[in-house]
Amino acid sequence: MIPNLATHEILTSWDTTDRYTTDKRKNAITLRFLLAHSSGAGYDKSNPGLAMVTKTQGREINVGATVNERFDYPLLFEPGTGWMYGTGMDWVGQLVECLTGQDMESYMQEYIWNPLEIQKITFWPSRHIDINAECMQMTVRDATSRHVVSLQKPFLAEGVSECFGGQGAYAVMKDFLKILRSILADDGKLLAKETTAMIFQPQLGGWRVCGITKESNTKYWLLQSRVQELENDLFLLRLAYNDSPTDYLKESLNQYGIIPDQPEENSGSNTPSPG
């Protein structure tokens, strides 16, 4: 259904000389894996291995007009064997468009925004004067001065030519809360009750918290390492111990992933799962 994603192999190693290796994927990439961020599809903006791959392809990190252009890099692990917040939802958006023959804007208008009487959510704020006028100015913390400054480069889905399922929808808070309220109230306007129940069921079950030791070409340090069996599938954090070329500054906290239990000697290897 998504030919470009189907060709993606698994990143197995990489180094600071811009060399990397991949292996063919053995497991199928399922819709459940994409929705649960367990497909192996990561972000180059938050993973140094993928950032290096993007660089060798002559592209800028997290830049591209289409989903295929922006996320044309390997998986981080075999689908269904790990967790990493990544591009899964963007690929799901492609699947929705393929199956329905509608773009994401039209599909969500019909099945989400209209049922909840939502007026101000769109992937294309520049086409809607009233929504564009309410967009907040995005800011970042300058790496040198540490002052908060206006973001100068395109923000996420700015400059794209199609809807990205995982990013790029602009909404006023009131309308966004209508979606959350509908799901939490389980009012049946968006989802069947059995579907809503599935959202709150663990999808990763039984994996251990697993850390990766400090490496010369990695700028992140894990807060936890191999500490307990997970009863619920929750997000972990990582702490950047140095500034990153992908905009994470020293001492900033970021989401981190969960991977299956591995032998202790592998925890410090230069493998990309996930980091």
Protein backbone atom coordinates (compact mmCIF):
# COMPACT_ATOMS: atom_id res chain seq x y z
CA MET A 1 0.00 0.00 0.00
CA ILE A 2 2.95 2.33 0.68
CA PRO A 3 5.65 1.26 -1.81
CA ASN A 4 8.39 3.61 -0.60
CA LEU A 5 8.07 2.56 3.05
CA ALA A 6 8.04 -1.10 2.00
CA THR A 7 11.55 -0.73 0.55
CA HIS A 8 13.10 0.58 3.78
CA GLU A 9 15.77 -1.68 5.26
CA ILE A 10 17.05 -1.62 8.85
CA LEU A 11 19.99 0.55 9.89
CA THR A 12 22.45 -1.82 11.57
CA SER A 13 25.57 0.32 12.03
CA TRP A 14 27.03 3.73 11.26
CA ASP A 15 30.12 5.75 12.10
CA THR A 16 31.49 9.28 12.06
CA THR A 17 32.94 8.87 8.55
CA ASP A 18 29.44 8.86 7.07
CA ARG A 19 29.44 5.13 6.43
CA TYR A 20 26.50 2.95 7.39
CA THR A 21 25.15 -0.54 6.81
CA THR A 22 21.61 -1.90 6.51
CA ASP A 23 19.96 -5.31 6.54
CA LYS A 24 16.80 -6.39 4.78
CA ARG A 25 13.67 -6.25 6.91
CA LYS A 26 12.22 -9.61 8.01
CA ASN A 27 9.02 -8.55 9.79
CA ALA A 28 5.98 -6.94 8.20
CA ILE A 29 5.22 -3.28 8.92
CA THR A 30 1.66 -3.37 10.24
CA LEU A 31 -0.81 -0.57 10.88
CA ARG A 32 -0.71 -1.40 14.59
CA PHE A 33 3.08 -1.01 14.65
CA LEU A 34 2.85 2.36 12.90
CA LEU A 35 0.19 3.62 15.31
CA ALA A 36 2.12 2.39 18.38
CA HIS A 37 5.49 3.79 17.24
CA SER A 38 6.90 0.26 17.20
CA SER A 39 7.48 -0.03 13.44
CA GLY A 40 11.11 1.10 13.60
CA ALA A 41 10.40 4.32 11.68
CA GLY A 42 12.23 7.11 13.55
CA TYR A 43 13.00 10.78 12.98
CA ASP A 44 16.34 11.97 11.62
CA LYS A 45 15.98 15.12 13.73
CA SER A 46 16.22 13.09 16.94
CA ASN A 47 18.40 10.12 15.98
CA PRO A 48 22.09 10.70 15.13
CA GLY A 49 22.29 7.62 12.92
CA LEU A 50 19.37 8.69 10.76
CA ALA A 51 20.71 12.25 10.72
CA MET A 52 23.95 10.91 9.27
CA VAL A 53 22.06 8.94 6.60
CA THR A 54 20.14 12.06 5.61
CA LYS A 55 23.41 13.98 5.35
CA THR A 56 24.98 11.35 3.07
CA GLN A 57 21.93 11.64 0.81
CA GLY A 58 22.67 15.34 0.39
CA ARG A 59 19.52 16.42 2.21
CA GLU A 60 18.81 18.65 5.21
CA ILE A 61 17.49 17.13 8.41
CA ASN A 62 13.67 17.01 8.61
CA VAL A 63 13.25 18.79 5.27
CA GLY A 64 11.22 17.64 2.27
CA ALA A 65 8.01 18.64 0.52
CA THR A 66 6.44 15.18 0.74
CA VAL A 67 6.41 12.33 3.24
CA ASN A 68 8.44 10.18 0.82
CA GLU A 69 11.07 12.89 0.37
CA ARG A 70 11.43 13.85 4.03
CA PHE A 71 11.45 10.38 5.57
CA ASP A 72 13.43 8.41 2.98
CA TYR A 73 15.79 6.66 5.40
CA PRO A 74 16.10 3.21 7.05
CA LEU A 75 14.19 1.79 9.97
CA LEU A 76 15.89 1.64 13.37
CA PHE A 77 14.87 -1.91 14.29
CA GLU A 78 12.72 -4.82 13.14
CA PRO A 79 9.02 -3.85 13.20
CA GLY A 80 7.34 -5.00 16.40
CA THR A 81 10.58 -5.45 18.37
CA GLY A 82 11.17 -1.95 19.75
CA TRP A 83 9.75 1.49 20.34
CA MET A 84 10.78 4.92 19.08
CA TYR A 85 8.67 8.02 18.63
CA GLY A 86 8.89 8.66 14.92
CA THR A 87 7.27 8.90 11.52
CA GLY A 88 4.64 6.19 11.95
CA MET A 89 1.70 8.60 11.94
CA ASP A 90 3.02 10.31 8.81
CA TRP A 91 3.00 6.98 6.99
CA VAL A 92 -0.48 6.21 8.38
CA GLY A 93 -1.62 9.46 6.77
CA GLN A 94 -0.33 8.15 3.44
CA LEU A 95 -2.25 4.92 4.00
CA VAL A 96 -5.49 6.79 4.76
CA GLU A 97 -5.15 8.78 1.55
CA CYS A 98 -4.43 5.63 -0.47
CA LEU A 99 -7.42 3.72 0.91
CA THR A 100 -9.96 6.55 0.79
CA GLY A 101 -8.90 8.50 -2.29
CA GLN A 102 -9.10 11.68 -0.19
CA ASP A 103 -6.33 13.92 1.08
CA MET A 104 -5.99 14.12 4.87
CA GLU A 105 -7.59 17.56 5.04
CA SER A 106 -10.75 16.38 3.27
CA TYR A 107 -10.91 13.10 5.17
CA MET A 108 -10.54 14.72 8.59
CA GLN A 109 -13.01 17.44 7.65
CA GLU A 110 -15.64 14.81 6.87
CA TYR A 111 -15.03 12.35 9.70
CA ILE A 112 -13.59 14.45 12.55
CA TRP A 113 -14.15 18.17 12.23
CA ASN A 114 -17.71 18.21 10.88
CA PRO A 115 -19.10 15.72 13.45
CA LEU A 116 -17.68 17.86 16.27
CA GLU A 117 -18.60 21.20 14.67
CA ILE A 118 -14.93 22.20 14.49
CA GLN A 119 -14.21 25.36 12.52
CA LYS A 120 -10.53 26.11 13.05
CA ILE A 121 -8.29 23.13 12.32
CA THR A 122 -6.43 22.87 9.02
CA PHE A 123 -3.20 21.66 7.44
CA TRP A 124 -3.10 24.84 5.35
CA PRO A 125 -3.39 27.91 7.63
CA SER A 126 -2.21 30.28 4.88
CA ARG A 127 -5.44 29.50 3.02
CA HIS A 128 -7.57 30.52 6.00
CA ILE A 129 -7.08 34.13 7.09
CA ASP A 130 -8.88 33.67 10.40
CA ILE A 131 -6.77 30.65 11.41
CA ASN A 132 -3.50 32.11 10.15
CA ALA A 133 -4.07 35.24 12.22
CA GLU A 134 -4.20 33.15 15.40
CA CYS A 135 -1.01 31.14 14.79
CA MET A 136 1.55 31.66 17.54
CA GLN A 137 5.12 32.71 16.81
CA MET A 138 7.43 29.72 17.29
CA THR A 139 10.59 30.25 19.34
CA VAL A 140 13.79 28.38 20.16
CA ARG A 141 16.56 28.87 22.70
CA ASP A 142 19.71 30.21 21.04
CA ALA A 143 22.65 27.83 21.48
CA THR A 144 25.10 30.67 22.20
CA SER A 145 23.19 33.29 24.16
CA ARG A 146 20.64 30.86 25.62
CA HIS A 147 18.03 33.55 25.00
CA VAL A 148 14.64 32.71 23.49
CA VAL A 149 14.54 33.89 19.87
CA SER A 150 12.10 33.60 16.98
CA LEU A 151 12.41 30.46 14.87
CA GLN A 152 13.93 31.49 11.54
CA LYS A 153 13.77 28.24 9.58
CA PRO A 154 10.56 26.56 8.38
CA PHE A 155 8.58 24.98 11.21
CA LEU A 156 7.72 21.30 10.80
CA ALA A 157 5.22 21.14 7.93
CA GLU A 158 5.84 24.62 6.51
CA GLY A 159 6.81 24.40 2.84
CA VAL A 160 5.25 20.98 2.25
CA SER A 161 3.11 20.07 -0.74
CA GLU A 162 0.90 17.47 0.96
CA CYS A 163 -0.61 16.74 4.37
CA PHE A 164 1.65 14.99 6.90
CA GLY A 165 -0.33 12.64 9.15
CA GLY A 166 2.04 13.07 12.08
CA GLN A 167 2.53 16.83 12.05
CA GLY A 168 1.36 20.07 10.51
CA ALA A 169 -2.29 20.45 11.50
CA TYR A 170 -2.94 23.89 13.00
CA ALA A 171 -5.75 24.30 15.53
CA VAL A 172 -7.15 26.73 18.04
CA MET A 173 -7.14 25.18 21.51
CA LYS A 174 -10.93 25.18 21.84
CA ASP A 175 -11.36 23.00 18.76
CA PHE A 176 -8.49 20.68 19.64
CA LEU A 177 -10.04 20.10 23.06
CA LYS A 178 -13.29 19.07 21.37
CA ILE A 179 -11.46 16.07 19.93
CA LEU A 180 -9.91 15.10 23.27
CA ARG A 181 -13.24 15.54 25.04
CA SER A 182 -15.03 13.32 22.53
CA ILE A 183 -12.49 10.52 22.93
CA LEU A 184 -12.36 10.71 26.74
CA ALA A 185 -16.15 10.91 27.02
CA ASP A 186 -16.44 7.98 24.59
CA ASP A 187 -19.46 9.68 23.03
CA GLY A 188 -19.36 7.67 19.81
CA LYS A 189 -19.11 10.70 17.55
CA LEU A 190 -15.65 9.76 16.27
CA LEU A 191 -14.99 6.16 17.28
CA ALA A 192 -16.90 3.03 18.16
CA LYS A 193 -16.62 2.16 21.85
CA GLU A 194 -14.48 -0.91 21.18
CA THR A 195 -12.08 1.24 19.14
CA THR A 196 -11.81 3.83 21.91
CA ALA A 197 -11.04 1.05 24.39
CA MET A 198 -8.14 -0.12 22.21
CA ILE A 199 -6.50 3.32 22.44
CA PHE A 200 -5.96 2.83 26.17
CA GLN A 201 -4.72 -0.75 26.00
CA PRO A 202 -0.93 -1.42 26.32
CA GLN A 203 0.60 -2.19 22.94
CA LEU A 204 4.22 -2.98 23.84
CA GLY A 205 3.86 -5.41 26.77
CA GLY A 206 6.69 -7.07 28.63
CA TRP A 207 9.74 -5.14 27.48
CA ARG A 208 12.43 -3.88 29.81
CA VAL A 209 13.79 -0.41 30.19
CA CYS A 210 17.12 -0.56 28.39
CA GLY A 211 19.82 2.08 28.25
CA ILE A 212 22.67 2.86 25.89
CA THR A 213 25.97 3.96 27.37
CA LYS A 214 27.64 7.23 26.41
CA GLU A 215 29.28 7.09 22.98
CA SER A 216 31.64 9.49 21.24
CA ASN A 217 29.18 10.18 18.44
CA THR A 218 26.01 10.30 20.52
CA LYS A 219 24.91 13.39 22.38
CA TYR A 220 22.31 11.82 24.67
CA TRP A 221 22.36 10.14 28.04
CA LEU A 222 19.50 8.02 29.36
CA LEU A 223 17.88 8.78 32.68
CA GLN A 224 17.12 5.14 33.38
CA SER A 225 18.79 1.89 32.42
CA ARG A 226 17.51 -1.65 32.94
CA VAL A 227 15.72 -0.80 36.17
CA GLN A 228 12.33 -2.52 36.25
CA GLU A 229 9.72 -4.54 34.42
CA LEU A 230 7.13 -2.22 32.90
CA GLU A 231 3.56 -2.66 34.09
CA ASN A 232 2.31 0.02 31.71
CA ASP A 233 3.75 1.10 28.39
CA LEU A 234 4.80 4.68 29.13
CA PHE A 235 7.27 7.14 27.64
CA LEU A 236 10.79 7.37 29.00
CA LEU A 237 13.01 10.43 28.85
CA ARG A 238 16.54 11.19 27.76
CA LEU A 239 18.81 14.02 28.78
CA ALA A 240 21.00 15.78 26.24
CA TYR A 241 24.43 16.18 27.81
CA ASN A 242 25.70 18.28 24.91
CA ASP A 243 24.25 20.51 22.21
CA SER A 244 22.94 18.59 19.21
CA PRO A 245 23.00 19.59 15.52
CA THR A 246 19.30 18.75 15.47
CA ASP A 247 18.39 21.58 17.87
CA TYR A 248 18.34 19.73 21.19
CA LEU A 249 20.34 21.83 23.64
CA LYS A 250 22.48 20.69 26.54
CA GLU A 251 20.45 19.73 29.62
CA SER A 252 17.17 19.53 27.67
CA LEU A 253 14.83 16.59 28.26
CA ASN A 254 13.46 14.60 25.33
CA GLN A 255 11.34 11.51 24.86
CA TYR A 256 13.18 8.23 24.58
CA GLY A 257 12.17 4.76 23.53
CA ILE A 258 11.86 1.27 24.93
CA ILE A 259 13.60 -1.68 23.30
CA PRO A 260 13.51 -5.42 24.08
CA ASP A 261 15.85 -6.77 26.71
CA GLN A 262 19.35 -7.38 25.32
CA PRO A 263 22.60 -8.88 26.63
CA GLU A 264 24.53 -6.39 28.74
CA GLU A 265 27.51 -6.33 26.37
CA ASN A 266 25.31 -4.89 23.59
CA SER A 267 24.14 -1.88 25.54
CA GLY A 268 27.18 0.18 24.59
CA SER A 269 27.49 -0.83 20.96
CA ASN A 270 27.21 1.62 18.10
CA THR A 271 23.83 0.29 16.99
CA PRO A 272 20.94 2.61 16.27
CA SER A 273 18.17 0.95 18.28
CA PRO A 274 16.82 3.54 19.25
CA GLY A 275 18.93 6.59 20.19
